[in-house]
Amino acid sequence: MKLQPDRIVGVNVIGGYTSDSVRIGERTWHHSLLLPWQGEATAWRPANVDELGVADFEAVAELEPELVLFGSGHALRFAHPALLRPLIERRIGVETMDTAAACRTYNLLVAEGRSVVAALLLAPIQGVRKTPSAPL
C-alpha cells in the first residue's frame, strides 16, 4: 500500500526498502547511509552498532537537522550515549529504532516539513533471504 507520493518537491523520500537495501529516487543503497531531508544522500561508514564512533555522529550533526532518526539495523540497538555527544551538544533530538521503522518514520516527518536526517545502518543478515521491497 502506498502511503504518499514518491516525490515531494525539494525533499528526499524513501521509495522502498528490503532487509538489506533502501531505495531513494532511482538509486538503491546496499550499505549504511545518511539521508538528509534535502540535499544528497551519502554513504555512512558504520555497518552495525558495534562499529559506531563519535565521528560518525559528528557527520550527522554537521547536517544541522532538528531531529535524527537512527536506524540501528535489523534489530533495535542503542548507540552508547557518549557517542551521541555531537548531537546532544547541538540540541539535536535523536530517536532510535530499527532501520525499517526509521524509513517509515522518516517519510512521515519530511512530509510534515520537518528537517530530519535518517542515519541508517544497513548490513545483510547472514543466511536470510531477501524479502520483497516494502513500498512506502
N, C-alpha and C. Protein backbone atom coordinates (compact mmCIF):
# COMPACT_ATOMS: atom_id res chain seq x y z
N MET A 1 0.84 -1.16 0.00
CA MET A 1 0.00 0.00 0.00
C MET A 1 0.89 1.23 0.00
N LYS A 2 0.59 2.15 -0.88
CA LYS A 2 1.35 3.38 -0.97
C LYS A 2 0.71 4.41 -0.05
N LEU A 3 1.52 5.02 0.80
CA LEU A 3 1.01 5.97 1.78
C LEU A 3 1.11 7.41 1.32
N GLN A 4 1.99 7.70 0.39
CA GLN A 4 2.20 9.07 -0.05
C GLN A 4 2.87 9.05 -1.41
N PRO A 5 2.96 10.20 -2.08
CA PRO A 5 3.60 10.23 -3.40
C PRO A 5 5.07 9.86 -3.31
N ASP A 6 5.62 9.35 -4.44
CA ASP A 6 7.04 9.03 -4.49
C ASP A 6 7.91 10.28 -4.44
N ARG A 7 7.37 11.40 -4.83
CA ARG A 7 8.13 12.64 -4.90
C ARG A 7 7.41 13.74 -4.14
N ILE A 8 8.16 14.42 -3.31
CA ILE A 8 7.72 15.67 -2.71
C ILE A 8 8.77 16.67 -3.16
N VAL A 9 8.37 17.71 -3.85
CA VAL A 9 9.31 18.62 -4.47
C VAL A 9 10.32 19.17 -3.46
N GLY A 10 11.60 19.02 -3.80
CA GLY A 10 12.68 19.55 -2.99
C GLY A 10 13.03 18.75 -1.75
N VAL A 11 12.43 17.58 -1.58
CA VAL A 11 12.64 16.78 -0.37
C VAL A 11 12.98 15.34 -0.77
N ASN A 12 13.91 14.74 -0.05
CA ASN A 12 14.23 13.32 -0.27
C ASN A 12 13.15 12.45 0.34
N VAL A 13 12.75 11.43 -0.39
CA VAL A 13 11.73 10.49 0.07
C VAL A 13 12.24 9.06 -0.14
N ILE A 14 12.00 8.20 0.82
CA ILE A 14 12.36 6.79 0.68
C ILE A 14 11.23 6.10 -0.06
N GLY A 15 11.57 5.48 -1.20
CA GLY A 15 10.57 4.83 -2.03
C GLY A 15 10.28 3.40 -1.65
N GLY A 16 11.19 2.74 -0.95
CA GLY A 16 11.00 1.37 -0.52
C GLY A 16 12.25 0.85 0.17
N TYR A 17 12.12 -0.31 0.78
CA TYR A 17 13.25 -0.92 1.47
C TYR A 17 13.08 -2.42 1.51
N THR A 18 14.21 -3.12 1.65
CA THR A 18 14.21 -4.56 1.87
C THR A 18 15.02 -4.80 3.14
N SER A 19 15.29 -6.06 3.42
CA SER A 19 16.07 -6.36 4.61
C SER A 19 17.50 -5.83 4.53
N ASP A 20 17.99 -5.53 3.32
CA ASP A 20 19.37 -5.04 3.19
C ASP A 20 19.54 -3.92 2.17
N SER A 21 18.47 -3.17 1.89
CA SER A 21 18.60 -2.06 0.94
C SER A 21 17.53 -1.00 1.21
N VAL A 22 17.82 0.20 0.72
CA VAL A 22 16.88 1.31 0.79
C VAL A 22 16.88 1.99 -0.57
N ARG A 23 15.68 2.26 -1.11
CA ARG A 23 15.57 2.93 -2.41
C ARG A 23 15.18 4.38 -2.19
N ILE A 24 16.00 5.28 -2.77
CA ILE A 24 15.73 6.72 -2.73
C ILE A 24 15.77 7.20 -4.17
N GLY A 25 14.64 7.63 -4.66
CA GLY A 25 14.55 8.02 -6.06
C GLY A 25 14.86 6.82 -6.93
N GLU A 26 15.79 7.00 -7.85
CA GLU A 26 16.17 5.92 -8.77
C GLU A 26 17.33 5.08 -8.24
N ARG A 27 17.89 5.45 -7.10
CA ARG A 27 19.08 4.76 -6.58
C ARG A 27 18.71 3.83 -5.43
N THR A 28 19.28 2.64 -5.44
CA THR A 28 19.12 1.69 -4.34
C THR A 28 20.44 1.58 -3.61
N TRP A 29 20.39 1.79 -2.31
CA TRP A 29 21.57 1.73 -1.45
C TRP A 29 21.63 0.36 -0.78
N HIS A 30 22.83 -0.22 -0.75
CA HIS A 30 23.04 -1.53 -0.11
C HIS A 30 24.03 -1.44 1.05
N HIS A 31 24.33 -0.23 1.48
CA HIS A 31 25.21 -0.02 2.62
C HIS A 31 24.68 1.17 3.42
N SER A 32 25.19 1.33 4.61
CA SER A 32 24.70 2.38 5.50
C SER A 32 24.78 3.75 4.84
N LEU A 33 23.83 4.62 5.19
CA LEU A 33 23.78 5.93 4.58
C LEU A 33 23.21 6.98 5.51
N LEU A 34 23.51 8.23 5.18
CA LEU A 34 22.89 9.38 5.82
C LEU A 34 21.97 10.01 4.80
N LEU A 35 20.72 10.19 5.18
CA LEU A 35 19.72 10.76 4.28
C LEU A 35 19.14 12.01 4.90
N PRO A 36 19.60 13.20 4.46
CA PRO A 36 19.00 14.43 4.95
C PRO A 36 17.69 14.72 4.23
N TRP A 37 16.86 15.53 4.83
CA TRP A 37 15.59 15.88 4.22
C TRP A 37 15.79 16.58 2.88
N GLN A 38 16.88 17.31 2.72
CA GLN A 38 17.22 17.97 1.46
C GLN A 38 18.68 17.72 1.16
N GLY A 39 19.04 17.75 -0.10
CA GLY A 39 20.43 17.52 -0.48
C GLY A 39 20.67 16.07 -0.82
N GLU A 40 21.94 15.72 -0.88
CA GLU A 40 22.32 14.38 -1.32
C GLU A 40 22.43 13.39 -0.17
N ALA A 41 21.98 12.18 -0.42
CA ALA A 41 22.26 11.07 0.49
C ALA A 41 23.74 10.74 0.33
N THR A 42 24.37 10.33 1.42
CA THR A 42 25.79 9.98 1.37
C THR A 42 26.02 8.66 2.11
N ALA A 43 27.07 7.98 1.71
CA ALA A 43 27.44 6.74 2.39
C ALA A 43 27.85 7.07 3.82
N TRP A 44 27.54 6.16 4.73
CA TRP A 44 27.90 6.31 6.14
C TRP A 44 28.78 5.12 6.50
N ARG A 45 29.88 5.36 7.16
CA ARG A 45 30.90 4.35 7.41
C ARG A 45 30.44 3.11 8.17
N PRO A 46 29.75 3.22 9.30
CA PRO A 46 29.48 2.01 10.09
C PRO A 46 28.47 1.08 9.41
N ALA A 47 28.69 -0.22 9.58
CA ALA A 47 27.74 -1.22 9.07
C ALA A 47 26.84 -1.74 10.18
N ASN A 48 27.28 -1.55 11.45
CA ASN A 48 26.47 -2.02 12.57
C ASN A 48 26.78 -1.17 13.80
N VAL A 49 26.01 -1.35 14.84
CA VAL A 49 26.14 -0.53 16.05
C VAL A 49 27.52 -0.66 16.68
N ASP A 50 28.12 -1.83 16.61
CA ASP A 50 29.43 -2.04 17.22
C ASP A 50 30.54 -1.24 16.54
N GLU A 51 30.33 -0.79 15.32
CA GLU A 51 31.34 -0.02 14.58
C GLU A 51 31.18 1.48 14.75
N LEU A 52 30.15 1.95 15.45
CA LEU A 52 29.89 3.38 15.60
C LEU A 52 30.97 4.07 16.42
N GLY A 53 31.27 5.31 16.03
CA GLY A 53 32.19 6.16 16.76
C GLY A 53 31.65 7.58 16.85
N VAL A 54 32.26 8.40 17.66
CA VAL A 54 31.83 9.79 17.81
C VAL A 54 31.86 10.52 16.47
N ALA A 55 32.88 10.26 15.65
CA ALA A 55 33.00 10.92 14.35
C ALA A 55 31.80 10.62 13.45
N ASP A 56 31.21 9.45 13.59
CA ASP A 56 30.03 9.10 12.77
C ASP A 56 28.86 10.01 13.11
N PHE A 57 28.67 10.30 14.38
CA PHE A 57 27.58 11.19 14.77
C PHE A 57 27.94 12.66 14.57
N GLU A 58 29.23 12.97 14.53
CA GLU A 58 29.65 14.32 14.18
C GLU A 58 29.24 14.62 12.74
N ALA A 59 29.40 13.65 11.85
CA ALA A 59 28.99 13.81 10.45
C ALA A 59 27.48 14.07 10.35
N VAL A 60 26.71 13.41 11.20
CA VAL A 60 25.25 13.63 11.22
C VAL A 60 24.95 15.05 11.71
N ALA A 61 25.61 15.46 12.78
CA ALA A 61 25.37 16.79 13.38
C ALA A 61 25.69 17.91 12.39
N GLU A 62 26.69 17.71 11.56
CA GLU A 62 27.07 18.74 10.58
C GLU A 62 25.97 19.03 9.57
N LEU A 63 25.00 18.14 9.42
CA LEU A 63 23.87 18.36 8.52
C LEU A 63 22.82 19.29 9.13
N GLU A 64 22.95 19.58 10.42
CA GLU A 64 22.12 20.53 11.15
C GLU A 64 20.61 20.24 11.09
N PRO A 65 20.21 19.01 11.37
CA PRO A 65 18.78 18.72 11.42
C PRO A 65 18.20 19.12 12.77
N GLU A 66 16.87 19.13 12.86
CA GLU A 66 16.24 19.30 14.17
C GLU A 66 16.10 17.95 14.86
N LEU A 67 16.10 16.88 14.07
CA LEU A 67 15.90 15.54 14.60
C LEU A 67 16.68 14.52 13.76
N VAL A 68 17.24 13.52 14.42
CA VAL A 68 17.92 12.40 13.76
C VAL A 68 17.15 11.14 14.07
N LEU A 69 16.84 10.39 13.02
CA LEU A 69 16.27 9.05 13.17
C LEU A 69 17.41 8.07 12.95
N PHE A 70 17.82 7.42 14.03
CA PHE A 70 18.91 6.45 13.95
C PHE A 70 18.31 5.07 13.74
N GLY A 71 18.49 4.53 12.53
CA GLY A 71 18.05 3.18 12.20
C GLY A 71 19.16 2.21 12.52
N SER A 72 18.99 1.42 13.57
CA SER A 72 20.07 0.60 14.12
C SER A 72 20.26 -0.75 13.44
N GLY A 73 19.63 -0.96 12.31
CA GLY A 73 19.78 -2.24 11.60
C GLY A 73 18.53 -3.07 11.73
N HIS A 74 18.69 -4.38 11.69
CA HIS A 74 17.56 -5.31 11.70
C HIS A 74 16.85 -5.36 13.05
N ALA A 75 17.57 -5.06 14.11
CA ALA A 75 17.01 -5.11 15.45
C ALA A 75 17.27 -3.77 16.15
N LEU A 76 16.45 -3.47 17.11
CA LEU A 76 16.62 -2.24 17.88
C LEU A 76 17.83 -2.37 18.79
N ARG A 77 18.83 -1.52 18.55
CA ARG A 77 20.03 -1.45 19.39
C ARG A 77 20.39 0.01 19.56
N PHE A 78 20.72 0.39 20.76
CA PHE A 78 21.03 1.79 21.06
C PHE A 78 22.53 2.03 20.97
N ALA A 79 22.88 3.21 20.46
CA ALA A 79 24.27 3.65 20.48
C ALA A 79 24.62 4.06 21.91
N HIS A 80 25.88 3.86 22.29
CA HIS A 80 26.32 4.29 23.61
C HIS A 80 26.11 5.81 23.72
N PRO A 81 25.55 6.28 24.82
CA PRO A 81 25.26 7.72 24.96
C PRO A 81 26.46 8.63 24.71
N ALA A 82 27.67 8.21 25.03
CA ALA A 82 28.86 9.04 24.79
C ALA A 82 29.06 9.32 23.30
N LEU A 83 28.62 8.40 22.45
CA LEU A 83 28.77 8.59 21.00
C LEU A 83 27.84 9.67 20.47
N LEU A 84 26.77 9.94 21.18
CA LEU A 84 25.77 10.92 20.74
C LEU A 84 26.12 12.35 21.15
N ARG A 85 27.24 12.54 21.82
CA ARG A 85 27.62 13.87 22.31
C ARG A 85 27.55 14.96 21.25
N PRO A 86 28.02 14.75 19.99
CA PRO A 86 27.93 15.82 19.00
C PRO A 86 26.49 16.29 18.76
N LEU A 87 25.54 15.37 18.87
CA LEU A 87 24.13 15.75 18.69
C LEU A 87 23.59 16.43 19.94
N ILE A 88 23.89 15.89 21.09
CA ILE A 88 23.40 16.44 22.36
C ILE A 88 23.90 17.87 22.55
N GLU A 89 25.18 18.10 22.26
CA GLU A 89 25.75 19.44 22.43
C GLU A 89 25.09 20.47 21.53
N ARG A 90 24.56 20.05 20.39
CA ARG A 90 23.89 20.97 19.47
C ARG A 90 22.37 20.98 19.66
N ARG A 91 21.92 20.28 20.68
CA ARG A 91 20.48 20.19 20.99
C ARG A 91 19.68 19.61 19.82
N ILE A 92 20.25 18.58 19.19
CA ILE A 92 19.58 17.86 18.10
C ILE A 92 18.98 16.61 18.70
N GLY A 93 17.68 16.42 18.51
CA GLY A 93 17.00 15.24 19.03
C GLY A 93 17.40 13.98 18.29
N VAL A 94 17.37 12.85 19.00
CA VAL A 94 17.72 11.56 18.41
C VAL A 94 16.65 10.55 18.81
N GLU A 95 16.12 9.85 17.84
CA GLU A 95 15.20 8.74 18.07
C GLU A 95 15.83 7.49 17.49
N THR A 96 15.88 6.43 18.26
CA THR A 96 16.47 5.17 17.80
C THR A 96 15.36 4.16 17.54
N MET A 97 15.47 3.49 16.42
CA MET A 97 14.52 2.43 16.05
C MET A 97 15.21 1.51 15.05
N ASP A 98 14.60 0.38 14.74
CA ASP A 98 15.21 -0.46 13.70
C ASP A 98 15.14 0.29 12.37
N THR A 99 15.94 -0.12 11.41
CA THR A 99 16.06 0.63 10.15
C THR A 99 14.73 0.69 9.39
N ALA A 100 13.96 -0.38 9.38
CA ALA A 100 12.66 -0.36 8.67
C ALA A 100 11.73 0.69 9.28
N ALA A 101 11.66 0.74 10.59
CA ALA A 101 10.81 1.74 11.26
C ALA A 101 11.34 3.15 11.00
N ALA A 102 12.66 3.31 10.97
CA ALA A 102 13.23 4.63 10.69
C ALA A 102 12.87 5.09 9.27
N CYS A 103 12.85 4.18 8.31
CA CYS A 103 12.46 4.53 6.93
C CYS A 103 11.02 5.04 6.90
N ARG A 104 10.12 4.33 7.55
CA ARG A 104 8.71 4.74 7.55
C ARG A 104 8.53 6.07 8.27
N THR A 105 9.17 6.22 9.40
CA THR A 105 9.03 7.45 10.19
C THR A 105 9.63 8.63 9.46
N TYR A 106 10.76 8.43 8.80
CA TYR A 106 11.41 9.49 8.03
C TYR A 106 10.44 10.09 7.02
N ASN A 107 9.78 9.24 6.23
CA ASN A 107 8.85 9.75 5.22
C ASN A 107 7.72 10.56 5.83
N LEU A 108 7.21 10.13 6.95
CA LEU A 108 6.14 10.88 7.61
C LEU A 108 6.62 12.26 8.05
N LEU A 109 7.82 12.32 8.60
CA LEU A 109 8.34 13.59 9.10
C LEU A 109 8.68 14.56 7.97
N VAL A 110 9.29 14.08 6.89
CA VAL A 110 9.60 15.00 5.79
C VAL A 110 8.32 15.48 5.11
N ALA A 111 7.29 14.65 5.09
CA ALA A 111 6.01 15.08 4.52
C ALA A 111 5.39 16.20 5.35
N GLU A 112 5.73 16.25 6.63
CA GLU A 112 5.27 17.33 7.51
C GLU A 112 6.16 18.57 7.44
N GLY A 113 7.22 18.51 6.64
CA GLY A 113 8.11 19.65 6.50
C GLY A 113 9.20 19.73 7.56
N ARG A 114 9.47 18.64 8.25
CA ARG A 114 10.48 18.63 9.31
C ARG A 114 11.89 18.48 8.72
N SER A 115 12.86 19.11 9.35
CA SER A 115 14.26 18.95 8.94
C SER A 115 14.85 17.78 9.72
N VAL A 116 14.82 16.63 9.07
CA VAL A 116 15.20 15.37 9.71
C VAL A 116 16.28 14.68 8.88
N VAL A 117 17.16 13.97 9.57
CA VAL A 117 18.16 13.14 8.91
C VAL A 117 17.94 11.70 9.36
N ALA A 118 17.91 10.79 8.40
CA ALA A 118 17.87 9.37 8.71
C ALA A 118 19.30 8.85 8.62
N ALA A 119 19.81 8.34 9.73
CA ALA A 119 21.13 7.72 9.79
C ALA A 119 20.86 6.21 9.85
N LEU A 120 20.99 5.55 8.71
CA LEU A 120 20.51 4.19 8.56
C LEU A 120 21.66 3.19 8.45
N LEU A 121 21.69 2.22 9.35
CA LEU A 121 22.65 1.13 9.27
C LEU A 121 22.05 0.03 8.41
N LEU A 122 22.81 -0.40 7.41
CA LEU A 122 22.38 -1.49 6.53
C LEU A 122 23.49 -2.53 6.47
N ALA A 123 23.20 -3.70 6.93
CA ALA A 123 24.13 -4.82 6.83
C ALA A 123 23.30 -6.07 6.61
N PRO A 124 23.60 -6.84 5.58
CA PRO A 124 22.82 -8.05 5.32
C PRO A 124 22.88 -9.03 6.49
N ILE A 125 21.77 -9.69 6.73
CA ILE A 125 21.75 -10.76 7.73
C ILE A 125 22.25 -12.03 7.04
N GLN A 126 23.21 -12.68 7.63
CA GLN A 126 23.76 -13.90 7.05
C GLN A 126 22.70 -15.00 7.03
N GLY A 127 22.51 -15.63 5.87
CA GLY A 127 21.62 -16.77 5.76
C GLY A 127 20.14 -16.42 5.66
N VAL A 128 19.80 -15.15 5.51
CA VAL A 128 18.40 -14.75 5.40
C VAL A 128 18.13 -14.34 3.97
N ARG A 129 17.05 -14.85 3.41
CA ARG A 129 16.67 -14.50 2.05
C ARG A 129 16.11 -13.09 2.00
N LYS A 130 16.35 -12.41 0.89
CA LYS A 130 15.83 -11.06 0.71
C LYS A 130 14.32 -11.11 0.63
N THR A 131 13.69 -10.14 1.25
CA THR A 131 12.23 -10.01 1.17
C THR A 131 11.90 -8.97 0.12
N PRO A 132 10.71 -9.06 -0.48
CA PRO A 132 10.35 -8.06 -1.49
C PRO A 132 10.35 -6.65 -0.87
N SER A 133 10.60 -5.69 -1.73
CA SER A 133 10.63 -4.30 -1.30
C SER A 133 9.29 -3.89 -0.73
N ALA A 134 9.33 -3.24 0.40
CA ALA A 134 8.12 -2.72 1.02
C ALA A 134 7.91 -1.30 0.53
N PRO A 135 6.86 -1.05 -0.27
CA PRO A 135 6.63 0.31 -0.75
C PRO A 135 6.22 1.21 0.39
N LEU A 136 6.56 2.48 0.25
CA LEU A 136 6.18 3.45 1.27
C LEU A 136 5.21 4.44 0.72
